[in-house]
Protein backbone atom coordinates (compact mmCIF):
# COMPACT_ATOMS: atom_id res chain seq x y z
CA UNK A 1 40.19 -57.36 -43.79
CA UNK A 2 41.88 -55.43 -46.61
CA UNK A 3 45.67 -55.64 -46.79
CA UNK A 4 46.16 -51.88 -46.83
CA UNK A 5 44.50 -48.56 -46.31
CA UNK A 6 44.85 -45.51 -48.52
CA UNK A 7 47.14 -42.58 -47.84
CA UNK A 8 44.66 -39.70 -48.11
CA UNK A 9 46.23 -36.65 -49.88
CA UNK A 10 46.67 -33.55 -47.77
CA UNK A 11 44.61 -31.40 -50.08
CA UNK A 12 41.13 -30.02 -49.65
CA UNK A 13 39.21 -32.73 -51.52
CA UNK A 14 36.33 -34.99 -50.61
CA UNK A 15 37.08 -38.49 -49.43
CA UNK A 16 34.15 -40.73 -50.13
CA UNK A 17 35.48 -43.91 -48.61
CA UNK A 18 34.53 -45.28 -45.17
CA UNK A 19 36.65 -44.33 -42.19
CA UNK A 20 37.21 -47.02 -39.56
CA UNK A 21 37.90 -45.63 -36.09
CA UNK A 22 39.59 -48.00 -33.65
CA UNK A 23 40.25 -47.62 -29.94
CA UNK A 24 41.37 -49.94 -27.14
CA UNK A 25 41.43 -49.65 -23.37
CA UNK A 26 43.98 -51.57 -21.34
CA UNK A 27 43.92 -53.16 -17.88
CA UNK A 28 47.42 -52.21 -16.77
CA UNK A 29 50.74 -50.88 -18.09
CA UNK A 30 51.68 -54.27 -19.61
CA UNK A 31 51.76 -54.19 -23.42
CA UNK A 32 48.88 -56.16 -24.96
CA UNK A 33 46.66 -56.04 -21.87
CA UNK A 34 43.60 -55.06 -23.90
CA UNK A 35 40.33 -55.22 -21.97
CA UNK A 36 38.05 -53.35 -24.38
CA UNK A 37 37.97 -52.53 -28.09
CA UNK A 38 35.62 -50.28 -30.05
CA UNK A 39 35.16 -50.08 -33.82
CA UNK A 40 33.20 -47.25 -35.48
CA UNK A 41 32.72 -47.07 -39.25
CA UNK A 42 31.91 -43.56 -40.46
CA UNK A 43 30.70 -42.78 -43.96
CA UNK A 44 30.59 -39.18 -45.23
CA UNK A 45 30.65 -37.85 -41.71
CA UNK A 46 27.88 -40.08 -40.37
CA UNK A 47 28.17 -43.21 -38.24
CA UNK A 48 27.43 -46.19 -40.46
CA UNK A 49 28.01 -49.14 -38.10
CA UNK A 50 29.82 -49.63 -34.85
CA UNK A 51 30.38 -52.22 -32.12
CA UNK A 52 32.14 -52.69 -28.82
CA UNK A 53 33.72 -55.79 -27.20
CA UNK A 54 34.93 -56.47 -23.68
CA UNK A 55 37.89 -58.88 -23.73
CA UNK A 56 39.90 -60.65 -21.11
CA UNK A 57 43.35 -58.97 -20.88
CA UNK A 58 44.86 -62.17 -19.47
CA UNK A 59 46.59 -60.23 -16.71
CA UNK A 60 45.95 -58.08 -13.65
CA UNK A 61 43.81 -54.97 -13.49
CA UNK A 62 45.67 -51.94 -12.15
CA UNK A 63 43.38 -49.89 -9.83
CA UNK A 64 44.63 -46.69 -11.49
CA UNK A 65 43.48 -47.94 -14.90
CA UNK A 66 40.08 -48.96 -13.51
CA UNK A 67 39.68 -45.38 -12.30
CA UNK A 68 40.37 -44.13 -15.81
CA UNK A 69 37.99 -46.34 -17.82
CA UNK A 70 35.77 -48.00 -15.22
CA UNK A 71 36.33 -51.51 -16.53
CA UNK A 72 36.66 -54.15 -13.80
CA UNK A 73 37.65 -57.85 -13.78
CA UNK A 74 33.99 -58.80 -13.24
CA UNK A 75 33.03 -57.03 -16.49
CA UNK A 76 35.36 -59.17 -18.60
CA UNK A 77 34.81 -62.44 -16.77
CA UNK A 78 34.05 -65.18 -19.29
CA UNK A 79 35.08 -63.00 -22.26
CA UNK A 80 37.68 -64.29 -24.72
CA UNK A 81 41.14 -62.78 -25.06
CA UNK A 82 41.48 -60.30 -27.96
CA UNK A 83 43.34 -62.99 -29.89
CA UNK A 84 40.25 -65.20 -29.71
CA UNK A 85 37.82 -62.35 -30.46
CA UNK A 86 39.84 -60.88 -33.32
CA UNK A 87 38.12 -63.03 -35.96
CA UNK A 88 34.77 -61.60 -34.89
CA UNK A 89 36.14 -58.07 -34.85
CA UNK A 90 37.58 -58.56 -38.33
CA UNK A 91 34.32 -60.01 -39.66
CA UNK A 92 32.45 -57.04 -38.28
CA UNK A 93 34.81 -54.64 -40.06
CA UNK A 94 34.63 -56.62 -43.32
CA UNK A 95 30.80 -56.75 -43.23
CA UNK A 96 30.55 -53.07 -42.37
CA UNK A 97 32.85 -52.08 -45.24
CA UNK A 98 31.00 -54.34 -47.66
CA UNK A 99 27.72 -52.68 -46.69
CA UNK A 100 29.30 -49.20 -46.80
CA UNK A 101 30.68 -49.69 -50.30
CA UNK A 102 27.51 -50.93 -51.94
CA UNK A 103 27.16 -49.21 -55.34
CA UNK A 104 23.96 -47.45 -54.30
CA UNK A 105 25.86 -45.58 -51.60
CA UNK A 106 28.45 -44.37 -54.07
CA UNK A 107 26.28 -43.57 -57.07
CA UNK A 108 27.73 -40.06 -57.26
CA UNK A 109 31.36 -41.20 -57.23
CA UNK A 110 32.83 -41.97 -60.61
CA UNK A 111 35.94 -43.70 -59.26
CA UNK A 112 34.17 -46.80 -57.93
CA UNK A 113 34.16 -48.07 -54.40
CA UNK A 114 36.77 -46.13 -52.35
CA UNK A 115 39.08 -48.06 -50.04
CA UNK A 116 38.71 -47.62 -46.29
CA UNK A 117 40.91 -45.48 -44.10
CA UNK A 118 41.73 -46.89 -40.63
CA UNK A 119 42.43 -44.35 -37.89
CA UNK A 120 43.07 -44.05 -34.16
CA UNK A 121 44.00 -41.19 -31.87
CA UNK A 122 47.66 -41.79 -31.00
CA UNK A 123 47.63 -44.66 -33.45
CA UNK A 124 51.02 -46.10 -32.47
CA UNK A 125 49.65 -46.96 -29.01
CA UNK A 126 46.56 -48.73 -30.31
CA UNK A 127 48.53 -50.56 -32.98
CA UNK A 128 51.11 -51.81 -30.50
CA UNK A 129 48.51 -52.92 -27.98
CA UNK A 130 46.43 -54.76 -30.57
CA UNK A 131 49.42 -56.45 -32.22
CA UNK A 132 50.80 -57.62 -28.88
CA UNK A 133 47.37 -58.95 -27.91
CA UNK A 134 46.62 -60.83 -31.16
CA UNK A 135 50.22 -61.97 -31.80
CA UNK A 136 50.66 -60.67 -35.33
CA UNK A 137 50.98 -57.48 -37.33
CA UNK A 138 47.77 -55.69 -38.33
CA UNK A 139 46.87 -56.18 -42.00
CA UNK A 140 46.19 -52.49 -42.54
CA UNK A 141 47.84 -49.12 -42.07
CA UNK A 142 46.55 -47.20 -39.04
CA UNK A 143 46.63 -43.44 -39.54
CA UNK A 144 46.95 -41.11 -36.53
CA UNK A 145 44.31 -38.48 -35.88
CA UNK A 146 46.64 -36.67 -33.47
CA UNK A 147 48.92 -35.82 -36.39
CA UNK A 148 45.95 -35.04 -38.63
CA UNK A 149 44.44 -32.67 -36.03
CA UNK A 150 47.75 -30.90 -35.50
CA UNK A 151 47.83 -30.09 -39.21
CA UNK A 152 44.17 -29.18 -39.37
CA UNK A 153 43.98 -27.14 -36.16
CA UNK A 154 47.47 -25.78 -35.43
CA UNK A 155 46.17 -23.09 -33.09
CA UNK A 156 44.67 -25.50 -30.61
CA UNK A 157 46.66 -25.52 -27.38
CA UNK A 158 46.36 -29.31 -27.10
CA UNK A 159 45.51 -32.08 -29.55
CA UNK A 160 44.36 -34.82 -27.24
CA UNK A 161 41.06 -36.54 -28.01
CA UNK A 162 39.00 -34.57 -25.50
CA UNK A 163 40.26 -31.16 -26.74
CA UNK A 164 39.86 -31.90 -30.45
CA UNK A 165 36.40 -33.46 -29.90
CA UNK A 166 35.27 -30.40 -27.94
CA UNK A 167 36.59 -28.11 -30.68
CA UNK A 168 34.60 -30.01 -33.29
CA UNK A 169 31.57 -30.39 -30.96
CA UNK A 170 31.79 -34.19 -31.12
CA UNK A 171 30.11 -35.81 -28.09
CA UNK A 172 32.66 -37.88 -26.18
CA UNK A 173 32.63 -40.25 -23.22
CA UNK A 174 36.37 -40.33 -22.90
CA UNK A 175 38.06 -43.70 -22.24
CA UNK A 176 34.98 -45.56 -23.45
CA UNK A 177 36.50 -47.50 -26.35
CA UNK A 178 33.48 -47.14 -28.63
CA UNK A 179 33.03 -43.41 -27.96
CA UNK A 180 36.75 -42.82 -28.54
CA UNK A 181 36.72 -44.84 -31.76
CA UNK A 182 33.71 -42.89 -33.01
CA UNK A 183 35.32 -39.55 -32.16
CA UNK A 184 38.54 -40.58 -33.93
CA UNK A 185 36.70 -41.45 -37.14
CA UNK A 186 34.68 -38.21 -37.04
CA UNK A 187 37.84 -36.17 -36.35
CA UNK A 188 39.51 -37.81 -39.36
CA UNK A 189 36.53 -36.87 -41.51
CA UNK A 190 36.78 -33.24 -40.43
CA UNK A 191 40.53 -33.10 -40.90
CA UNK A 192 40.37 -34.60 -44.38
CA UNK A 193 37.78 -32.03 -45.38
CA UNK A 194 40.29 -29.33 -44.38
CA UNK A 195 43.10 -30.94 -46.37
CA UNK A 196 44.84 -32.51 -43.42
CA UNK A 197 44.78 -36.08 -44.60
CA UNK A 198 46.71 -39.13 -43.45
């Protein structure tokens, strides 16, 4: 995966690069107890590629968390830990970005192939959970769509994923990692268009 992601200027200007939305669900309050991860790559406001993985959190499932996301121990039985699956996740992102930045898709951009922007809603949580689970620091900056949405839509009473998605009419199955990742990437696209970049 690329070593960095761009800092998108907070001005009303088009961003032609792919946006990588990331979301994880966890099995319990323990840090790094990731049981599900979703990746959605959005290009110019449209979903380009996306994928979801169940992973073994390597710890207990808290019944309260099961009520939130619906993931049970049986659903992750036989799955690798995120540390073991991370190579596959990274390859999927790399392949998606390579396909997204083919010259034919950027024929109308004179500045070449734009770098990708990685985002998550409440990014510090997802970053911490992933880094604890894989055992090393992520090789890219993860921008926060909570902060972006606060700048873009200051009059919204709340800026959680459900509220912002509803405001932008983005379909959402909340606490489904892939749906949340997709919504985060689409929110970032809308915020950037309004000059509320990362």
